[in-house]
PDB file of N, CA and C in Angstrom:
ATOM      1  N   MET A   1     107.817  89.527 110.232  1.00  0.00           N
ATOM      2  CA  MET A   1     107.184  89.427 111.530  1.00  0.00           C
ATOM      3  C   MET A   1     105.890  90.226 111.519  1.00  0.00           C
ATOM      4  N   THR A   2     104.817  89.604 111.868  1.00  0.00           N
ATOM      5  CA  THR A   2     103.532  90.284 111.913  1.00  0.00           C
ATOM      6  C   THR A   2     103.151  90.533 113.372  1.00  0.00           C
ATOM      7  N   LEU A   3     102.461  91.614 113.554  1.00  0.00           N
ATOM      8  CA  LEU A   3     102.018  91.975 114.896  1.00  0.00           C
ATOM      9  C   LEU A   3     100.629  91.414 115.139  1.00  0.00           C
ATOM     10  N   GLY A   4     100.432  90.946 116.345  1.00  0.00           N
ATOM     11  CA  GLY A   4      99.119  90.460 116.727  1.00  0.00           C
ATOM     12  C   GLY A   4      98.201  91.625 117.044  1.00  0.00           C
ATOM     13  N   ILE A   5      96.958  91.316 117.285  1.00  0.00           N
ATOM     14  CA  ILE A   5      95.960  92.349 117.566  1.00  0.00           C
ATOM     15  C   ILE A   5      96.299  93.105 118.851  1.00  0.00           C
ATOM     16  N   ARG A   6      96.829  92.395 119.853  1.00  0.00           N
ATOM     17  CA  ARG A   6      97.195  93.059 121.106  1.00  0.00           C
ATOM     18  C   ARG A   6      98.320  94.060 120.893  1.00  0.00           C
ATOM     19  N   SER A   7      99.307  93.668 120.101  1.00  0.00           N
ATOM     20  CA  SER A   7     100.430  94.561 119.824  1.00  0.00           C
ATOM     21  C   SER A   7      99.975  95.784 119.049  1.00  0.00           C
ATOM     22  N   LYS A   8      99.096  95.591 118.087  1.00  0.00           N
ATOM     23  CA  LYS A   8      98.580  96.722 117.309  1.00  0.00           C
ATOM     24  C   LYS A   8      97.784  97.674 118.189  1.00  0.00           C
ATOM     25  N   LEU A   9      96.941  97.128 119.067  1.00  0.00           N
ATOM     26  CA  LEU A   9      96.163  97.969 119.975  1.00  0.00           C
ATOM     27  C   LEU A   9      97.068  98.714 120.944  1.00  0.00           C
ATOM     28  N   PHE A  10      98.099  98.034 121.438  1.00  0.00           N
ATOM     29  CA  PHE A  10      99.035  98.664 122.352  1.00  0.00           C
ATOM     30  C   PHE A  10      99.774  99.808 121.664  1.00  0.00           C
ATOM     31  N   LEU A  11     100.293  99.584 120.489  1.00  0.00           N
ATOM     32  CA  LEU A  11     101.005 100.626 119.751  1.00  0.00           C
ATOM     33  C   LEU A  11     100.073 101.783 119.394  1.00  0.00           C
ATOM     34  N   GLY A  12      98.861 101.462 118.998  1.00  0.00           N
ATOM     35  CA  GLY A  12      97.882 102.505 118.694  1.00  0.00           C
ATOM     36  C   GLY A  12      97.571 103.352 119.919  1.00  0.00           C
ATOM     37  N   SER A  13      97.448 102.691 121.056  1.00  0.00           N
ATOM     38  CA  SER A  13      97.195 103.415 122.312  1.00  0.00           C
ATOM     39  C   SER A  13      98.366 104.315 122.662  1.00  0.00           C
ATOM     40  N   LEU A  14      99.586 103.812 122.494  1.00  0.00           N
ATOM     41  CA  LEU A  14     100.766 104.630 122.777  1.00  0.00           C
ATOM     42  C   LEU A  14     100.830 105.861 121.881  1.00  0.00           C
ATOM     43  N   VAL A  15     100.508 105.685 120.617  1.00  0.00           N
ATOM     44  CA  VAL A  15     100.518 106.814 119.686  1.00  0.00           C
ATOM     45  C   VAL A  15      99.471 107.843 120.091  1.00  0.00           C
ATOM     46  N   LEU A  16      98.276 107.407 120.422  1.00  0.00           N
ATOM     47  CA  LEU A  16      97.220 108.329 120.844  1.00  0.00           C
ATOM     48  C   LEU A  16      97.583 109.049 122.140  1.00  0.00           C
ATOM     49  N   ILE A  17      98.181 108.338 123.071  1.00  0.00           N
ATOM     50  CA  ILE A  17      98.601 108.965 124.324  1.00  0.00           C
ATOM     51  C   ILE A  17      99.675 110.012 124.047  1.00  0.00           C
ATOM     52  N   GLY A  18     100.618 109.679 123.203  1.00  0.00           N
ATOM     53  CA  GLY A  18     101.678 110.627 122.855  1.00  0.00           C
ATOM     54  C   GLY A  18     101.136 111.881 122.198  1.00  0.00           C
ATOM     55  N   ILE A  19     100.220 111.715 121.260  1.00  0.00           N
ATOM     56  CA  ILE A  19      99.612 112.867 120.581  1.00  0.00           C
ATOM     57  C   ILE A  19      98.820 113.707 121.576  1.00  0.00           C
ATOM     58  N   SER A  20      98.104 113.059 122.479  1.00  0.00           N
ATOM     59  CA  SER A  20      97.316 113.787 123.485  1.00  0.00           C
ATOM     60  C   SER A  20      98.207 114.583 124.421  1.00  0.00           C
ATOM     61  N   ILE A  21      99.288 113.982 124.852  1.00  0.00           N
ATOM     62  CA  ILE A  21     100.212 114.687 125.751  1.00  0.00           C
ATOM     63  C   ILE A  21     100.835 115.873 125.028  1.00  0.00           C
ATOM     64  N   PHE A  22     101.223 115.694 123.787  1.00  0.00           N
ATOM     65  CA  PHE A  22     101.828 116.774 123.014  1.00  0.00           C
ATOM     66  C   PHE A  22     100.842 117.935 122.830  1.00  0.00           C
ATOM     67  N   ALA A  23      99.598 117.628 122.479  1.00  0.00           N
ATOM     68  CA  ALA A  23      98.585 118.671 122.286  1.00  0.00           C
ATOM     69  C   ALA A  23      98.292 119.394 123.605  1.00  0.00           C
ATOM     70  N   ALA A  24      98.207 118.647 124.698  1.00  0.00           N
ATOM     71  CA  ALA A  24      97.949 119.263 126.003  1.00  0.00           C
ATOM     72  C   ALA A  24      99.103 120.173 126.405  1.00  0.00           C
ATOM     73  N   GLU A  25     100.324 119.756 126.134  1.00  0.00           N
ATOM     74  CA  GLU A  25     101.491 120.566 126.474  1.00  0.00           C
ATOM     75  C   GLU A  25     101.497 121.866 125.676  1.00  0.00           C
ATOM     76  N   LEU A  26     101.162 121.813 124.405  1.00  0.00           N
ATOM     77  CA  LEU A  26     101.098 123.024 123.588  1.00  0.00           C
ATOM     78  C   LEU A  26     100.060 124.002 124.126  1.00  0.00           C
ATOM     79  N   TYR A  27      98.882 123.492 124.421  1.00  0.00           N
ATOM     80  CA  TYR A  27      97.809 124.335 124.928  1.00  0.00           C
ATOM     81  C   TYR A  27      98.169 124.929 126.291  1.00  0.00           C
ATOM     82  N   MET A  28      98.648 124.088 127.201  1.00  0.00           N
ATOM     83  CA  MET A  28      98.940 124.540 128.554  1.00  0.00           C
ATOM     84  C   MET A  28     100.094 125.533 128.585  1.00  0.00           C
ATOM     85  N   SER A  29     101.096 125.345 127.758  1.00  0.00           N
ATOM     86  CA  SER A  29     102.226 126.272 127.784  1.00  0.00           C
ATOM     87  C   SER A  29     101.786 127.665 127.335  1.00  0.00           C
ATOM     88  N   GLN A  30     100.921 127.741 126.334  1.00  0.00           N
ATOM     89  CA  GLN A  30     100.428 129.039 125.881  1.00  0.00           C
ATOM     90  C   GLN A  30      99.520 129.676 126.929  1.00  0.00           C
ATOM     91  N   ALA A  31      98.663 128.885 127.527  1.00  0.00           N
ATOM     92  CA  ALA A  31      97.747 129.408 128.534  1.00  0.00           C
ATOM     93  C   ALA A  31      98.514 129.883 129.767  1.00  0.00           C
ATOM     94  N   LEU A  32      99.486 129.100 130.210  1.00  0.00           N
ATOM     95  CA  LEU A  32     100.265 129.489 131.381  1.00  0.00           C
ATOM     96  C   LEU A  32     101.122 130.717 131.114  1.00  0.00           C
ATOM     97  N   GLU A  33     101.679 130.804 129.922  1.00  0.00           N
ATOM     98  CA  GLU A  33     102.494 131.975 129.592  1.00  0.00           C
ATOM     99  C   GLU A  33     101.670 133.251 129.648  1.00  0.00           C
ATOM    100  N   GLY A  34     100.477 133.222 129.084  1.00  0.00           N
ATOM    101  CA  GLY A  34      99.596 134.390 129.123  1.00  0.00           C
ATOM    102  C   GLY A  34      99.186 134.741 130.539  1.00  0.00           C
ATOM    103  N   GLN A  35      98.859 133.730 131.319  1.00  0.00           N
ATOM    104  CA  GLN A  35      98.433 133.967 132.699  1.00  0.00           C
ATOM    105  C   GLN A  35      99.580 134.532 133.538  1.00  0.00           C
ATOM    106  N   LEU A  36     100.769 133.985 133.378  1.00  0.00           N
ATOM    107  CA  LEU A  36     101.908 134.485 134.139  1.00  0.00           C
ATOM    108  C   LEU A  36     102.281 135.902 133.716  1.00  0.00           C
ATOM    109  N   THR A  37     102.197 136.199 132.432  1.00  0.00           N
ATOM    110  CA  THR A  37     102.490 137.550 131.959  1.00  0.00           C
ATOM    111  C   THR A  37     101.515 138.547 132.567  1.00  0.00           C
ATOM    112  N   ASP A  38     100.243 138.203 132.584  1.00  0.00           N
ATOM    113  CA  ASP A  38      99.239 139.091 133.187  1.00  0.00           C
ATOM    114  C   ASP A  38      99.495 139.288 134.680  1.00  0.00           C
ATOM    115  N   ARG A  39      99.853 138.221 135.364  1.00  0.00           N
ATOM    116  CA  ARG A  39     100.107 138.306 136.801  1.00  0.00           C
ATOM    117  C   ARG A  39     101.328 139.180 137.089  1.00  0.00           C
ATOM    118  N   ILE A  40     102.379 139.011 136.313  1.00  0.00           N
ATOM    119  CA  ILE A  40     103.583 139.822 136.510  1.00  0.00           C
ATOM    120  C   ILE A  40     103.285 141.287 136.209  1.00  0.00           C
ATOM    121  N   ARG A  41     102.527 141.552 135.147  1.00  0.00           N
ATOM    122  CA  ARG A  41     102.172 142.929 134.802  1.00  0.00           C
ATOM    123  C   ARG A  41     101.382 143.583 135.935  1.00  0.00           C
ATOM    124  N   ALA A  42     100.410 142.870 136.484  1.00  0.00           N
ATOM    125  CA  ALA A  42      99.601 143.412 137.579  1.00  0.00           C
ATOM    126  C   ALA A  42     100.463 143.659 138.814  1.00  0.00           C
ATOM    127  N   ASP A  43     101.373 142.762 139.114  1.00  0.00           N
ATOM    128  CA  ASP A  43     102.257 142.933 140.257  1.00  0.00           C
ATOM    129  C   ASP A  43     103.158 144.147 140.077  1.00  0.00           C
ATOM    130  N   LEU A  44     103.685 144.343 138.888  1.00  0.00           N
ATOM    131  CA  LEU A  44     104.537 145.503 138.637  1.00  0.00           C
ATOM    132  C   LEU A  44     103.765 146.814 138.751  1.00  0.00           C
ATOM    133  N   ILE A  45     102.520 146.818 138.309  1.00  0.00           N
ATOM    134  CA  ILE A  45     101.691 148.017 138.437  1.00  0.00           C
ATOM    135  C   ILE A  45     101.455 148.344 139.913  1.00  0.00           C
ATOM    136  N   VAL A  46     101.163 147.319 140.711  1.00  0.00           N
ATOM    137  CA  VAL A  46     100.949 147.537 142.151  1.00  0.00           C
ATOM    138  C   VAL A  46     102.219 148.074 142.790  1.00  0.00           C
ATOM    139  N   ARG A  47     103.354 147.514 142.443  1.00  0.00           N
ATOM    140  CA  ARG A  47     104.622 147.982 143.019  1.00  0.00           C
ATOM    141  C   ARG A  47     104.921 149.420 142.605  1.00  0.00           C
ATOM    142  N   ALA A  48     104.649 149.756 141.356  1.00  0.00           N
ATOM    143  CA  ALA A  48     104.882 151.125 140.891  1.00  0.00           C
ATOM    144  C   ALA A  48     103.986 152.105 141.643  1.00  0.00           C
ATOM    145  N   ARG A  49     102.748 151.735 141.878  1.00  0.00           N
ATOM    146  CA  ARG A  49     101.836 152.612 142.634  1.00  0.00           C
ATOM    147  C   ARG A  49     102.302 152.781 144.072  1.00  0.00           C
ATOM    148  N   LEU A  50     102.774 151.689 144.678  1.00  0.00           N
ATOM    149  CA  LEU A  50     103.276 151.781 146.046  1.00  0.00           C
ATOM    150  C   LEU A  50     104.493 152.693 146.125  1.00  0.00           C
ATOM    151  N   ILE A  51     105.373 152.596 145.163  1.00  0.00           N
ATOM    152  CA  ILE A  51     106.551 153.464 145.129  1.00  0.00           C
ATOM    153  C   ILE A  51     106.124 154.912 144.943  1.00  0.00           C
ATOM    154  N   ALA A  52     105.170 155.157 144.054  1.00  0.00           N
ATOM    155  CA  ALA A  52     104.688 156.523 143.821  1.00  0.00           C
ATOM    156  C   ALA A  52     104.061 157.096 145.086  1.00  0.00           C
ATOM    157  N   GLU A  53     103.284 156.289 145.797  1.00  0.00           N
ATOM    158  CA  GLU A  53     102.676 156.748 147.048  1.00  0.00           C
ATOM    159  C   GLU A  53     103.745 157.045 148.095  1.00  0.00           C
ATOM    160  N   ARG A  54     104.754 156.196 148.157  1.00  0.00           N
ATOM    161  CA  ARG A  54     105.835 156.404 149.136  1.00  0.00           C
ATOM    162  C   ARG A  54     106.593 157.685 148.831  1.00  0.00           C
ATOM    163  N   ILE A  55     106.869 157.922 147.565  1.00  0.00           N
ATOM    164  CA  ILE A  55     107.569 159.151 147.169  1.00  0.00           C
ATOM    165  C   ILE A  55     106.708 160.371 147.490  1.00  0.00           C
ATOM    166  N   ALA A  56     105.413 160.268 147.192  1.00  0.00           N
ATOM    167  CA  ALA A  56     104.516 161.392 147.459  1.00  0.00           C
ATOM    168  C   ALA A  56     104.417 161.672 148.956  1.00  0.00           C
ATOM    169  N   SER A  57     104.448 160.644 149.772  1.00  0.00           N
ATOM    170  CA  SER A  57     104.317 160.847 151.216  1.00  0.00           C
ATOM    171  C   SER A  57     105.574 161.444 151.838  1.00  0.00           C
ATOM    172  N   THR A  58     106.719 161.281 151.199  1.00  0.00           N
ATOM    173  CA  THR A  58     107.957 161.861 151.750  1.00  0.00           C
ATOM    174  C   THR A  58     108.126 163.314 151.359  1.00  0.00           C
ATOM    175  N   GLY A  59     107.338 163.785 150.425  1.00  0.00           N
ATOM    176  CA  GLY A  59     107.400 165.181 150.016  1.00  0.00           C
ATOM    177  C   GLY A  59     108.476 165.458 148.983  1.00  0.00           C
ATOM    178  N   VAL A  60     109.061 164.424 148.435  1.00  0.00           N
ATOM    179  CA  VAL A  60     110.084 164.613 147.409  1.00  0.00           C
ATOM    180  C   VAL A  60     109.397 164.986 146.104  1.00  0.00           C
ATOM    181  N   ARG A  61     109.904 166.007 145.468  1.00  0.00           N
ATOM    182  CA  ARG A  61     109.323 166.415 144.186  1.00  0.00           C
ATOM    183  C   ARG A  61     110.219 165.929 143.067  1.00  0.00           C
ATOM    184  N   LEU A  62     109.605 165.341 142.078  1.00  0.00           N
ATOM    185  CA  LEU A  62     110.337 164.887 140.906  1.00  0.00           C
ATOM    186  C   LEU A  62     110.315 165.987 139.877  1.00  0.00           C
ATOM    187  N   SER A  63     111.458 166.315 139.322  1.00  0.00           N
ATOM    188  CA  SER A  63     111.518 167.386 138.322  1.00  0.00           C
ATOM    189  C   SER A  63     111.145 166.830 136.950  1.00  0.00           C
ATOM    190  N   ASP A  64     110.572 167.683 136.123  1.00  0.00           N
ATOM    191  CA  ASP A  64     110.194 167.309 134.759  1.00  0.00           C
ATOM    192  C   ASP A  64     111.227 167.826 133.793  1.00  0.00           C
ATOM    193  N   GLU A  65     112.351 167.214 133.753  1.00  0.00           N
ATOM    194  CA  GLU A  65     113.426 167.674 132.865  1.00  0.00           C
ATOM    195  C   GLU A  65     113.308 167.050 131.518  1.00  0.00           C
TER     196      GLU A  65
END
């Protein structure tokens, strides 16, 4: 069974679309992971500062044991 020109073009297009989606997914997953890690780190720093300010405002002293 031989494939016609339309079938070959269709299969070629499907292969290119598949490769493009795979490459985009690889790139986006790495970019999103880095961005989310940075966002979580910044949020944790803000929360730690807020906790430190709250502790300082209550007058509680932390011992250095």
